[in-house]
Amino acid sequence: MIQLKHVNKIYNNGFHAVKDINLEIQKGDIFGIIGLSGAGKSSLIRMLNRLEEASSGEIWIEGSPIHSLSKQELLEKRKK
């Protein structure tokens, strides 16, 4: 399961790309992200992959907070 709790992404220039996202995706769910250009779709995916850090909020994968996972642990969880 993937959980996002009050996730925000604000860039250094002040642009608020992701605003207070709350989401739960269960294993086996089919999920898509749609939106206008600049709506935060890529920022959201980059935060899930830990290519970028959230400015605030929590991201959990399989019951573990993403910030506590090493790159290797995150890779292993992605394979599940």
PDB file of N, CA and C in Angstrom:
ATOM      1  N   MET A   1       0.831  -1.172   0.000  1.00  0.00           N
ATOM      2  CA  MET A   1       0.000   0.000   0.000  1.00  0.00           C
ATOM      3  C   MET A   1       0.887   1.250   0.000  1.00  0.00           C
ATOM      4  N   ILE A   2       0.420   2.260  -0.694  1.00  0.00           N
ATOM      5  CA  ILE A   2       1.080   3.568  -0.714  1.00  0.00           C
ATOM      6  C   ILE A   2       0.121   4.569  -0.085  1.00  0.00           C
ATOM      7  N   GLN A   3       0.629   5.335   0.867  1.00  0.00           N
ATOM      8  CA  GLN A   3      -0.183   6.360   1.520  1.00  0.00           C
ATOM      9  C   GLN A   3       0.527   7.704   1.454  1.00  0.00           C
ATOM     10  N   LEU A   4      -0.219   8.721   1.122  1.00  0.00           N
ATOM     11  CA  LEU A   4       0.270  10.095   1.180  1.00  0.00           C
ATOM     12  C   LEU A   4      -0.621  10.835   2.160  1.00  0.00           C
ATOM     13  N   LYS A   5       0.013  11.523   3.106  1.00  0.00           N
ATOM     14  CA  LYS A   5      -0.726  12.239   4.142  1.00  0.00           C
ATOM     15  C   LYS A   5      -0.287  13.698   4.159  1.00  0.00           C
ATOM     16  N   HIS A   6      -1.168  14.566   3.690  1.00  0.00           N
ATOM     17  CA  HIS A   6      -0.926  16.016   3.694  1.00  0.00           C
ATOM     18  C   HIS A   6       0.413  16.374   3.033  1.00  0.00           C
ATOM     19  N   VAL A   7       0.664  15.795   1.860  1.00  0.00           N
ATOM     20  CA  VAL A   7       1.934  15.998   1.150  1.00  0.00           C
ATOM     21  C   VAL A   7       1.904  17.308   0.363  1.00  0.00           C
ATOM     22  N   ASN A   8       2.966  18.069   0.510  1.00  0.00           N
ATOM     23  CA  ASN A   8       3.157  19.330  -0.202  1.00  0.00           C
ATOM     24  C   ASN A   8       4.545  19.351  -0.821  1.00  0.00           C
ATOM     25  N   LYS A   9       4.647  20.015  -1.967  1.00  0.00           N
ATOM     26  CA  LYS A   9       5.944  20.267  -2.586  1.00  0.00           C
ATOM     27  C   LYS A   9       5.982  21.729  -3.002  1.00  0.00           C
ATOM     28  N   ILE A  10       6.891  22.471  -2.364  1.00  0.00           N
ATOM     29  CA  ILE A  10       7.096  23.879  -2.689  1.00  0.00           C
ATOM     30  C   ILE A  10       8.549  24.031  -3.126  1.00  0.00           C
ATOM     31  N   TYR A  11       8.744  24.539  -4.334  1.00  0.00           N
ATOM     32  CA  TYR A  11      10.095  24.718  -4.860  1.00  0.00           C
ATOM     33  C   TYR A  11      10.723  26.002  -4.313  1.00  0.00           C
ATOM     34  N   ASN A  12      12.033  26.116  -4.468  1.00  0.00           N
ATOM     35  CA  ASN A  12      12.781  27.270  -3.948  1.00  0.00           C
ATOM     36  C   ASN A  12      12.269  28.609  -4.468  1.00  0.00           C
ATOM     37  N   ASN A  13      11.696  28.600  -5.672  1.00  0.00           N
ATOM     38  CA  ASN A  13      11.169  29.850  -6.240  1.00  0.00           C
ATOM     39  C   ASN A  13       9.783  30.198  -5.697  1.00  0.00           C
ATOM     40  N   GLY A  14       9.274  29.376  -4.760  1.00  0.00           N
ATOM     41  CA  GLY A  14       7.973  29.624  -4.142  1.00  0.00           C
ATOM     42  C   GLY A  14       6.808  28.939  -4.826  1.00  0.00           C
ATOM     43  N   PHE A  15       7.065  28.263  -5.957  1.00  0.00           N
ATOM     44  CA  PHE A  15       5.985  27.581  -6.674  1.00  0.00           C
ATOM     45  C   PHE A  15       5.496  26.391  -5.863  1.00  0.00           C
ATOM     46  N   HIS A  16       4.201  26.369  -5.577  1.00  0.00           N
ATOM     47  CA  HIS A  16       3.577  25.298  -4.797  1.00  0.00           C
ATOM     48  C   HIS A  16       3.036  24.259  -5.789  1.00  0.00           C
ATOM     49  N   ALA A  17       3.836  23.243  -6.102  1.00  0.00           N
ATOM     50  CA  ALA A  17       3.503  22.270  -7.144  1.00  0.00           C
ATOM     51  C   ALA A  17       2.483  21.237  -6.681  1.00  0.00           C
ATOM     52  N   VAL A  18       2.579  20.802  -5.437  1.00  0.00           N
ATOM     53  CA  VAL A  18       1.674  19.789  -4.880  1.00  0.00           C
ATOM     54  C   VAL A  18       1.120  20.360  -3.582  1.00  0.00           C
ATOM     55  N   LYS A  19      -0.212  20.369  -3.471  1.00  0.00           N
ATOM     56  CA  LYS A  19      -0.857  21.012  -2.318  1.00  0.00           C
ATOM     57  C   LYS A  19      -1.719  20.018  -1.548  1.00  0.00           C
ATOM     58  N   ASP A  20      -1.296  19.697  -0.343  1.00  0.00           N
ATOM     59  CA  ASP A  20      -2.076  18.930   0.627  1.00  0.00           C
ATOM     60  C   ASP A  20      -2.733  17.681   0.023  1.00  0.00           C
ATOM     61  N   ILE A  21      -1.922  16.812  -0.570  1.00  0.00           N
ATOM     62  CA  ILE A  21      -2.424  15.574  -1.170  1.00  0.00           C
ATOM     63  C   ILE A  21      -2.579  14.508  -0.094  1.00  0.00           C
ATOM     64  N   ASN A  22      -3.767  13.904  -0.047  1.00  0.00           N
ATOM     65  CA  ASN A  22      -4.055  12.755   0.802  1.00  0.00           C
ATOM     66  C   ASN A  22      -4.542  11.651  -0.124  1.00  0.00           C
ATOM     67  N   LEU A  23      -3.893  10.492  -0.061  1.00  0.00           N
ATOM     68  CA  LEU A  23      -4.177   9.433  -1.025  1.00  0.00           C
ATOM     69  C   LEU A  23      -3.790   8.091  -0.440  1.00  0.00           C
ATOM     70  N   GLU A  24      -4.565   7.063  -0.755  1.00  0.00           N
ATOM     71  CA  GLU A  24      -4.217   5.700  -0.361  1.00  0.00           C
ATOM     72  C   GLU A  24      -4.422   4.798  -1.571  1.00  0.00           C
ATOM     73  N   ILE A  25      -3.373   4.085  -1.946  1.00  0.00           N
ATOM     74  CA  ILE A  25      -3.429   3.164  -3.080  1.00  0.00           C
ATOM     75  C   ILE A  25      -3.141   1.768  -2.547  1.00  0.00           C
ATOM     76  N   GLN A  26      -4.102   0.875  -2.693  1.00  0.00           N
ATOM     77  CA  GLN A  26      -3.952  -0.499  -2.225  1.00  0.00           C
ATOM     78  C   GLN A  26      -3.242  -1.342  -3.286  1.00  0.00           C
ATOM     79  N   LYS A  27      -2.589  -2.395  -2.844  1.00  0.00           N
ATOM     80  CA  LYS A  27      -1.945  -3.325  -3.771  1.00  0.00           C
ATOM     81  C   LYS A  27      -3.000  -3.850  -4.744  1.00  0.00           C
ATOM     82  N   GLY A  28      -2.683  -3.821  -6.027  1.00  0.00           N
ATOM     83  CA  GLY A  28      -3.600  -4.290  -7.059  1.00  0.00           C
ATOM     84  C   GLY A  28      -4.482  -3.201  -7.650  1.00  0.00           C
ATOM     85  N   ASP A  29      -4.517  -2.032  -7.013  1.00  0.00           N
ATOM     86  CA  ASP A  29      -5.298  -0.919  -7.554  1.00  0.00           C
ATOM     87  C   ASP A  29      -4.677  -0.433  -8.857  1.00  0.00           C
ATOM     88  N   ILE A  30      -5.520  -0.008  -9.767  1.00  0.00           N
ATOM     89  CA  ILE A  30      -5.065   0.643 -10.993  1.00  0.00           C
ATOM     90  C   ILE A  30      -5.220   2.138 -10.759  1.00  0.00           C
ATOM     91  N   PHE A  31      -4.153   2.870 -11.015  1.00  0.00           N
ATOM     92  CA  PHE A  31      -4.110   4.271 -10.632  1.00  0.00           C
ATOM     93  C   PHE A  31      -3.520   5.095 -11.759  1.00  0.00           C
ATOM     94  N   GLY A  32      -4.103   6.233 -12.022  1.00  0.00           N
ATOM     95  CA  GLY A  32      -3.573   7.146 -13.028  1.00  0.00           C
ATOM     96  C   GLY A  32      -3.571   8.568 -12.501  1.00  0.00           C
ATOM     97  N   ILE A  33      -2.712   9.383 -13.062  1.00  0.00           N
ATOM     98  CA  ILE A  33      -2.631  10.792 -12.670  1.00  0.00           C
ATOM     99  C   ILE A  33      -2.859  11.628 -13.922  1.00  0.00           C
ATOM    100  N   ILE A  34      -3.859  12.495 -13.870  1.00  0.00           N
ATOM    101  CA  ILE A  34      -4.126  13.391 -14.990  1.00  0.00           C
ATOM    102  C   ILE A  34      -4.203  14.824 -14.464  1.00  0.00           C
ATOM    103  N   GLY A  35      -3.916  15.760 -15.319  1.00  0.00           N
ATOM    104  CA  GLY A  35      -4.012  17.163 -14.924  1.00  0.00           C
ATOM    105  C   GLY A  35      -3.352  18.055 -15.947  1.00  0.00           C
ATOM    106  N   LEU A  36      -3.573  19.317 -15.771  1.00  0.00           N
ATOM    107  CA  LEU A  36      -3.003  20.318 -16.666  1.00  0.00           C
ATOM    108  C   LEU A  36      -1.494  20.406 -16.497  1.00  0.00           C
ATOM    109  N   SER A  37      -0.848  21.021 -17.456  1.00  0.00           N
ATOM    110  CA  SER A  37       0.580  21.286 -17.366  1.00  0.00           C
ATOM    111  C   SER A  37       0.850  22.128 -16.122  1.00  0.00           C
ATOM    112  N   GLY A  38       1.833  21.713 -15.333  1.00  0.00           N
ATOM    113  CA  GLY A  38       2.174  22.449 -14.123  1.00  0.00           C
ATOM    114  C   GLY A  38       1.333  22.102 -12.914  1.00  0.00           C
ATOM    115  N   ALA A  39       0.491  21.066 -13.032  1.00  0.00           N
ATOM    116  CA  ALA A  39      -0.409  20.700 -11.928  1.00  0.00           C
ATOM    117  C   ALA A  39       0.273  19.886 -10.835  1.00  0.00           C
ATOM    118  N   GLY A  40       1.507  19.412 -11.066  1.00  0.00           N
ATOM    119  CA  GLY A  40       2.230  18.671 -10.037  1.00  0.00           C
ATOM    120  C   GLY A  40       2.314  17.172 -10.249  1.00  0.00           C
ATOM    121  N   LYS A  41       1.907  16.693 -11.423  1.00  0.00           N
ATOM    122  CA  LYS A  41       1.929  15.247 -11.693  1.00  0.00           C
ATOM    123  C   LYS A  41       3.340  14.675 -11.600  1.00  0.00           C
ATOM    124  N   SER A  42       4.269  15.280 -12.289  1.00  0.00           N
ATOM    125  CA  SER A  42       5.656  14.790 -12.277  1.00  0.00           C
ATOM    126  C   SER A  42       6.283  14.954 -10.901  1.00  0.00           C
ATOM    127  N   SER A  43       5.994  16.047 -10.238  1.00  0.00           N
ATOM    128  CA  SER A  43       6.527  16.260  -8.886  1.00  0.00           C
ATOM    129  C   SER A  43       6.044  15.164  -7.947  1.00  0.00           C
ATOM    130  N   LEU A  44       4.782  14.789  -8.060  1.00  0.00           N
ATOM    131  CA  LEU A  44       4.223  13.730  -7.219  1.00  0.00           C
ATOM    132  C   LEU A  44       4.944  12.405  -7.451  1.00  0.00           C
ATOM    133  N   ILE A  45       5.131  12.023  -8.707  1.00  0.00           N
ATOM    134  CA  ILE A  45       5.815  10.765  -9.021  1.00  0.00           C
ATOM    135  C   ILE A  45       7.271  10.821  -8.563  1.00  0.00           C
ATOM    136  N   ARG A  46       7.923  11.950  -8.750  1.00  0.00           N
ATOM    137  CA  ARG A  46       9.321  12.083  -8.319  1.00  0.00           C
ATOM    138  C   ARG A  46       9.448  11.965  -6.800  1.00  0.00           C
ATOM    139  N   MET A  47       8.451  12.418  -6.066  1.00  0.00           N
ATOM    140  CA  MET A  47       8.484  12.254  -4.610  1.00  0.00           C
ATOM    141  C   MET A  47       8.273  10.795  -4.219  1.00  0.00           C
ATOM    142  N   LEU A  48       7.405  10.090  -4.935  1.00  0.00           N
ATOM    143  CA  LEU A  48       7.192   8.667  -4.647  1.00  0.00           C
ATOM    144  C   LEU A  48       8.455   7.854  -4.889  1.00  0.00           C
ATOM    145  N   ASN A  49       9.252   8.258  -5.876  1.00  0.00           N
ATOM    146  CA  ASN A  49      10.504   7.565  -6.196  1.00  0.00           C
ATOM    147  C   ASN A  49      11.692   8.088  -5.395  1.00  0.00           C
ATOM    148  N   ARG A  50      11.463   9.085  -4.563  1.00  0.00           N
ATOM    149  CA  ARG A  50      12.490   9.767  -3.767  1.00  0.00           C
ATOM    150  C   ARG A  50      13.540  10.458  -4.624  1.00  0.00           C
ATOM    151  N   LEU A  51      13.138  10.855  -5.815  1.00  0.00           N
ATOM    152  CA  LEU A  51      14.015  11.682  -6.635  1.00  0.00           C
ATOM    153  C   LEU A  51      13.936  13.126  -6.159  1.00  0.00           C
ATOM    154  N   GLU A  52      12.843  13.451  -5.464  1.00  0.00           N
ATOM    155  CA  GLU A  52      12.651  14.743  -4.818  1.00  0.00           C
ATOM    156  C   GLU A  52      12.043  14.474  -3.448  1.00  0.00           C
ATOM    157  N   GLU A  53      12.305  15.359  -2.506  1.00  0.00           N
ATOM    158  CA  GLU A  53      11.729  15.239  -1.167  1.00  0.00           C
ATOM    159  C   GLU A  53      10.494  16.126  -1.067  1.00  0.00           C
ATOM    160  N   ALA A  54       9.498  15.657  -0.332  1.00  0.00           N
ATOM    161  CA  ALA A  54       8.319  16.472  -0.059  1.00  0.00           C
ATOM    162  C   ALA A  54       8.722  17.624   0.857  1.00  0.00           C
ATOM    163  N   SER A  55       8.085  18.763   0.681  1.00  0.00           N
ATOM    164  CA  SER A  55       8.336  19.904   1.567  1.00  0.00           C
ATOM    165  C   SER A  55       7.711  19.669   2.932  1.00  0.00           C
ATOM    166  N   SER A  56       6.568  18.985   2.943  1.00  0.00           N
ATOM    167  CA  SER A  56       5.910  18.621   4.192  1.00  0.00           C
ATOM    168  C   SER A  56       4.968  17.457   3.920  1.00  0.00           C
ATOM    169  N   GLY A  57       4.499  16.840   4.990  1.00  0.00           N
ATOM    170  CA  GLY A  57       3.617  15.687   4.878  1.00  0.00           C
ATOM    171  C   GLY A  57       4.394  14.388   4.966  1.00  0.00           C
ATOM    172  N   GLU A  58       3.670  13.285   4.819  1.00  0.00           N
ATOM    173  CA  GLU A  58       4.264  11.957   4.955  1.00  0.00           C
ATOM    174  C   GLU A  58       3.912  11.091   3.758  1.00  0.00           C
ATOM    175  N   ILE A  59       4.885  10.293   3.321  1.00  0.00           N
ATOM    176  CA  ILE A  59       4.665   9.288   2.281  1.00  0.00           C
ATOM    177  C   ILE A  59       5.080   7.951   2.873  1.00  0.00           C
ATOM    178  N   TRP A  60       4.170   6.987   2.842  1.00  0.00           N
ATOM    179  CA  TRP A  60       4.411   5.651   3.393  1.00  0.00           C
ATOM    180  C   TRP A  60       4.278   4.627   2.274  1.00  0.00           C
ATOM    181  N   ILE A  61       5.182   3.650   2.257  1.00  0.00           N
ATOM    182  CA  ILE A  61       5.103   2.537   1.312  1.00  0.00           C
ATOM    183  C   ILE A  61       5.201   1.248   2.110  1.00  0.00           C
ATOM    184  N   GLU A  62       4.190   0.402   1.956  1.00  0.00           N
ATOM    185  CA  GLU A  62       4.151  -0.884   2.663  1.00  0.00           C
ATOM    186  C   GLU A  62       4.392  -0.717   4.160  1.00  0.00           C
ATOM    187  N   GLY A  63       3.790   0.304   4.758  1.00  0.00           N
ATOM    188  CA  GLY A  63       3.868   0.499   6.197  1.00  0.00           C
ATOM    189  C   GLY A  63       5.116   1.182   6.714  1.00  0.00           C
ATOM    190  N   SER A  64       6.000   1.620   5.824  1.00  0.00           N
ATOM    191  CA  SER A  64       7.234   2.299   6.241  1.00  0.00           C
ATOM    192  C   SER A  64       7.255   3.718   5.688  1.00  0.00           C
ATOM    193  N   PRO A  65       7.657   4.683   6.519  1.00  0.00           N
ATOM    194  CA  PRO A  65       7.793   6.042   5.984  1.00  0.00           C
ATOM    195  C   PRO A  65       8.928   6.079   4.961  1.00  0.00           C
ATOM    196  N   ILE A  66       8.662   6.658   3.814  1.00  0.00           N
ATOM    197  CA  ILE A  66       9.605   6.617   2.694  1.00  0.00           C
ATOM    198  C   ILE A  66      10.950   7.242   3.047  1.00  0.00           C
ATOM    199  N   HIS A  67      10.953   8.268   3.900  1.00  0.00           N
ATOM    200  CA  HIS A  67      12.213   8.935   4.242  1.00  0.00           C
ATOM    201  C   HIS A  67      13.138   8.048   5.075  1.00  0.00           C
ATOM    202  N   SER A  68      12.586   6.970   5.660  1.00  0.00           N
ATOM    203  CA  SER A  68      13.422   6.074   6.470  1.00  0.00           C
ATOM    204  C   SER A  68      14.000   4.920   5.653  1.00  0.00           C
ATOM    205  N   LEU A  69      13.587   4.800   4.387  1.00  0.00           N
ATOM    206  CA  LEU A  69      14.042   3.700   3.537  1.00  0.00           C
ATOM    207  C   LEU A  69      15.298   4.096   2.772  1.00  0.00           C
ATOM    208  N   SER A  70      16.239   3.165   2.690  1.00  0.00           N
ATOM    209  CA  SER A  70      17.405   3.387   1.831  1.00  0.00           C
ATOM    210  C   SER A  70      16.962   3.228   0.378  1.00  0.00           C
ATOM    211  N   LYS A  71      17.795   3.654  -0.538  1.00  0.00           N
ATOM    212  CA  LYS A  71      17.475   3.487  -1.964  1.00  0.00           C
ATOM    213  C   LYS A  71      17.273   2.011  -2.296  1.00  0.00           C
ATOM    214  N   GLN A  72      18.070   1.127  -1.706  1.00  0.00           N
ATOM    215  CA  GLN A  72      17.949  -0.310  -1.949  1.00  0.00           C
ATOM    216  C   GLN A  72      16.627  -0.846  -1.395  1.00  0.00           C
ATOM    217  N   GLU A  73      16.255  -0.433  -0.191  1.00  0.00           N
ATOM    218  CA  GLU A  73      14.988  -0.878   0.400  1.00  0.00           C
ATOM    219  C   GLU A  73      13.804  -0.391  -0.425  1.00  0.00           C
ATOM    220  N   LEU A  74      13.881   0.829  -0.914  1.00  0.00           N
ATOM    221  CA  LEU A  74      12.817   1.364  -1.753  1.00  0.00           C
ATOM    222  C   LEU A  74      12.704   0.565  -3.045  1.00  0.00           C
ATOM    223  N   LEU A  75      13.830   0.218  -3.642  1.00  0.00           N
ATOM    224  CA  LEU A  75      13.836  -0.596  -4.854  1.00  0.00           C
ATOM    225  C   LEU A  75      13.188  -1.952  -4.599  1.00  0.00           C
ATOM    226  N   GLU A  76      13.512  -2.580  -3.471  1.00  0.00           N
ATOM    227  CA  GLU A  76      12.933  -3.880  -3.127  1.00  0.00           C
ATOM    228  C   GLU A  76      11.426  -3.776  -2.935  1.00  0.00           C
ATOM    229  N   LYS A  77      10.949  -2.728  -2.300  1.00  0.00           N
ATOM    230  CA  LYS A  77       9.511  -2.548  -2.096  1.00  0.00           C
ATOM    231  C   LYS A  77       8.804  -2.298  -3.422  1.00  0.00           C
ATOM    232  N   ARG A  78       9.460  -1.597  -4.356  1.00  0.00           N
ATOM    233  CA  ARG A  78       8.865  -1.343  -5.669  1.00  0.00           C
ATOM    234  C   ARG A  78       8.640  -2.638  -6.432  1.00  0.00           C
ATOM    235  N   LYS A  79       9.508  -3.624  -6.225  1.00  0.00           N
ATOM    236  CA  LYS A  79       9.410  -4.887  -6.956  1.00  0.00           C
ATOM    237  C   LYS A  79       8.229  -5.732  -6.494  1.00  0.00           C
ATOM    238  N   LYS A  80       7.703  -5.459  -5.297  1.00  0.00           N
ATOM    239  CA  LYS A  80       6.607  -6.273  -4.743  1.00  0.00           C
ATOM    240  C   LYS A  80       5.326  -6.026  -5.443  1.00  0.00           C
TER     241      LYS A  80
END
